[in-house]
Amino acid sequence: MSDDGIRRLSDERPRYMISVAAELVGMHPQTLRIYEQKGLVTPQRTAGNTRLYSDADVERLRVIQRFTGEWGLNLAGVERVLRMEDELERLRRRMERMEQEMRRALDEVHRHYRRDLVLYTPPQSPAVRPQKKRT
């Protein structure tokens, strides 16, 4: 697994209860509940139904905070932008997978070319003989 894959897994691991996540981003816990209700963030739940936020969730909350504070977006606008960003990321990952598949297929084709390669040598033109003079 790549470092990026390991990092992504650790970013997604639930770690913080709502009070800790709210403190990390400087929001009230009720705000996090509202964001969850609107589908802006989806914390995981324990067996006892306690919300647990991952590092990725906390980062998403910071993004929401930036969109509402600095950009002046309302929650409907934030939802729209986040949905488009999520779709963009999904398409980016898909494109990367397709590029990898294409490169593998291209390498395979090149391997077959090398195996089936036959060197071509152009035919030699016959030597031109001087013609005898007819008398």
Protein backbone atom coordinates (compact mmCIF):
# COMPACT_ATOMS: atom_id res chain seq x y z
CA MET A 1 0.00 0.00 0.00
CA SER A 2 1.30 3.46 -0.86
CA ASP A 3 2.00 6.16 1.71
CA ASP A 4 -0.95 8.08 0.26
CA GLY A 5 -3.20 5.04 0.76
CA ILE A 6 -2.03 4.61 4.35
CA ARG A 7 -2.53 8.33 5.00
CA ARG A 8 -6.03 8.18 3.50
CA LEU A 9 -6.93 5.21 5.72
CA SER A 10 -5.69 6.97 8.86
CA ASP A 11 -7.55 10.17 7.83
CA GLU A 12 -10.78 8.20 7.65
CA ARG A 13 -10.41 6.43 11.00
CA PRO A 14 -12.98 7.79 13.48
CA ARG A 15 -11.26 9.31 16.52
CA TYR A 16 -13.00 12.37 17.93
CA MET A 17 -16.25 12.67 19.82
CA ILE A 18 -18.46 15.59 18.83
CA SER A 19 -17.24 17.86 21.63
CA VAL A 20 -13.59 17.36 20.66
CA ALA A 21 -14.27 17.79 16.92
CA ALA A 22 -16.27 20.96 17.63
CA GLU A 23 -13.44 22.36 19.74
CA LEU A 24 -10.85 21.52 17.06
CA VAL A 25 -12.70 23.61 14.47
CA GLY A 26 -14.03 26.29 16.83
CA MET A 27 -17.72 25.48 16.39
CA HIS A 28 -20.56 24.62 18.71
CA PRO A 29 -21.46 20.89 18.84
CA GLN A 30 -25.01 21.80 17.75
CA THR A 31 -23.57 23.27 14.55
CA LEU A 32 -21.94 19.92 13.79
CA ARG A 33 -25.28 18.19 14.37
CA ILE A 34 -26.95 20.59 11.92
CA TYR A 35 -24.24 19.97 9.34
CA GLU A 36 -24.76 16.24 9.76
CA GLN A 37 -28.52 16.63 9.43
CA LYS A 38 -28.01 18.54 6.16
CA GLY A 39 -25.61 15.87 4.88
CA LEU A 40 -22.56 18.14 4.82
CA VAL A 41 -20.55 15.81 7.05
CA THR A 42 -21.15 12.17 7.95
CA PRO A 43 -19.43 11.07 11.15
CA GLN A 44 -19.31 7.38 11.93
CA ARG A 45 -21.26 5.99 14.85
CA THR A 46 -20.28 3.65 17.65
CA ALA A 47 -22.47 0.75 18.75
CA GLY A 48 -23.88 3.14 21.36
CA ASN A 49 -24.73 5.67 18.59
CA THR A 50 -22.03 8.17 19.62
CA ARG A 51 -20.74 10.31 16.76
CA LEU A 52 -17.06 9.87 15.99
CA TYR A 53 -15.31 12.26 13.61
CA SER A 54 -12.21 11.41 11.59
CA ASP A 55 -9.40 13.77 10.61
CA ALA A 56 -11.01 13.95 7.16
CA ASP A 57 -14.33 14.96 8.79
CA VAL A 58 -12.57 17.67 10.81
CA GLU A 59 -10.88 18.97 7.65
CA ARG A 60 -14.25 19.01 5.88
CA LEU A 61 -15.70 21.03 8.78
CA ARG A 62 -12.87 23.54 8.33
CA VAL A 63 -13.70 23.78 4.63
CA ILE A 64 -17.38 24.39 5.46
CA GLN A 65 -16.30 27.05 7.93
CA ARG A 66 -14.19 28.75 5.24
CA PHE A 67 -17.04 28.61 2.70
CA THR A 68 -19.55 30.17 5.09
CA GLY A 69 -17.17 32.64 6.74
CA GLU A 70 -14.77 33.82 4.06
CA TRP A 71 -16.84 33.17 0.95
CA GLY A 72 -20.21 34.09 2.46
CA LEU A 73 -21.97 30.98 1.16
CA ASN A 74 -25.17 29.76 2.77
CA LEU A 75 -25.50 26.07 3.61
CA ALA A 76 -27.26 25.30 0.31
CA GLY A 77 -24.29 26.83 -1.54
CA VAL A 78 -21.84 24.93 0.64
CA GLU A 79 -23.71 21.70 -0.07
CA ARG A 80 -23.56 22.37 -3.82
CA VAL A 81 -19.84 23.21 -3.79
CA LEU A 82 -18.99 20.18 -1.64
CA ARG A 83 -21.01 17.89 -3.89
CA MET A 84 -19.16 19.21 -6.94
CA GLU A 85 -15.78 18.84 -5.20
CA ASP A 86 -16.64 15.28 -4.17
CA GLU A 87 -17.64 14.47 -7.76
CA LEU A 88 -14.46 16.07 -9.07
CA GLU A 89 -12.35 13.97 -6.69
CA ARG A 90 -14.24 10.81 -7.66
CA LEU A 91 -13.64 11.53 -11.34
CA ARG A 92 -9.97 12.35 -10.69
CA ARG A 93 -9.48 8.97 -8.98
CA ARG A 94 -11.31 7.23 -11.82
CA MET A 95 -9.12 8.97 -14.40
CA GLU A 96 -5.97 7.95 -12.50
CA ARG A 97 -7.15 4.32 -12.46
CA MET A 98 -7.92 4.47 -16.17
CA GLU A 99 -4.50 5.97 -16.91
CA GLN A 100 -2.82 3.17 -14.96
CA GLU A 101 -4.85 0.56 -16.84
CA MET A 102 -3.99 2.23 -20.14
CA ARG A 103 -0.28 2.28 -19.30
CA ARG A 104 -0.37 -1.42 -18.32
CA ALA A 105 -2.18 -2.31 -21.56
CA LEU A 106 0.25 -0.22 -23.59
CA ASP A 107 3.23 -1.89 -21.89
CA GLU A 108 1.69 -5.28 -22.69
CA VAL A 109 1.26 -4.32 -26.35
CA HIS A 110 4.85 -3.13 -26.48
CA ARG A 111 6.03 -6.41 -24.96
CA HIS A 112 4.21 -8.30 -27.71
CA TYR A 113 5.72 -6.05 -30.37
CA ARG A 114 9.21 -6.78 -29.13
CA ARG A 115 8.52 -10.50 -29.08
CA ASP A 116 7.03 -10.52 -32.59
CA LEU A 117 9.52 -8.08 -34.04
CA VAL A 118 11.20 -9.23 -37.25
CA LEU A 119 13.91 -7.08 -38.65
CA TYR A 120 13.31 -5.94 -42.19
CA THR A 121 16.15 -5.75 -44.63
CA PRO A 122 15.32 -4.15 -47.94
CA PRO A 123 16.04 -6.29 -50.98
CA GLN A 124 19.30 -5.61 -52.74
CA SER A 125 18.89 -4.41 -56.25
CA PRO A 126 20.74 -6.61 -58.72
CA ALA A 127 24.08 -5.30 -59.82
CA VAL A 128 23.83 -3.45 -63.05
CA ARG A 129 25.98 -5.11 -65.69
CA PRO A 130 27.44 -3.03 -68.42
CA GLN A 131 25.64 -3.76 -71.63
CA LYS A 132 27.64 -5.05 -74.54
CA LYS A 133 27.63 -2.98 -77.65
CA ARG A 134 25.97 -4.65 -80.49
CA THR A 135 27.80 -4.53 -83.67
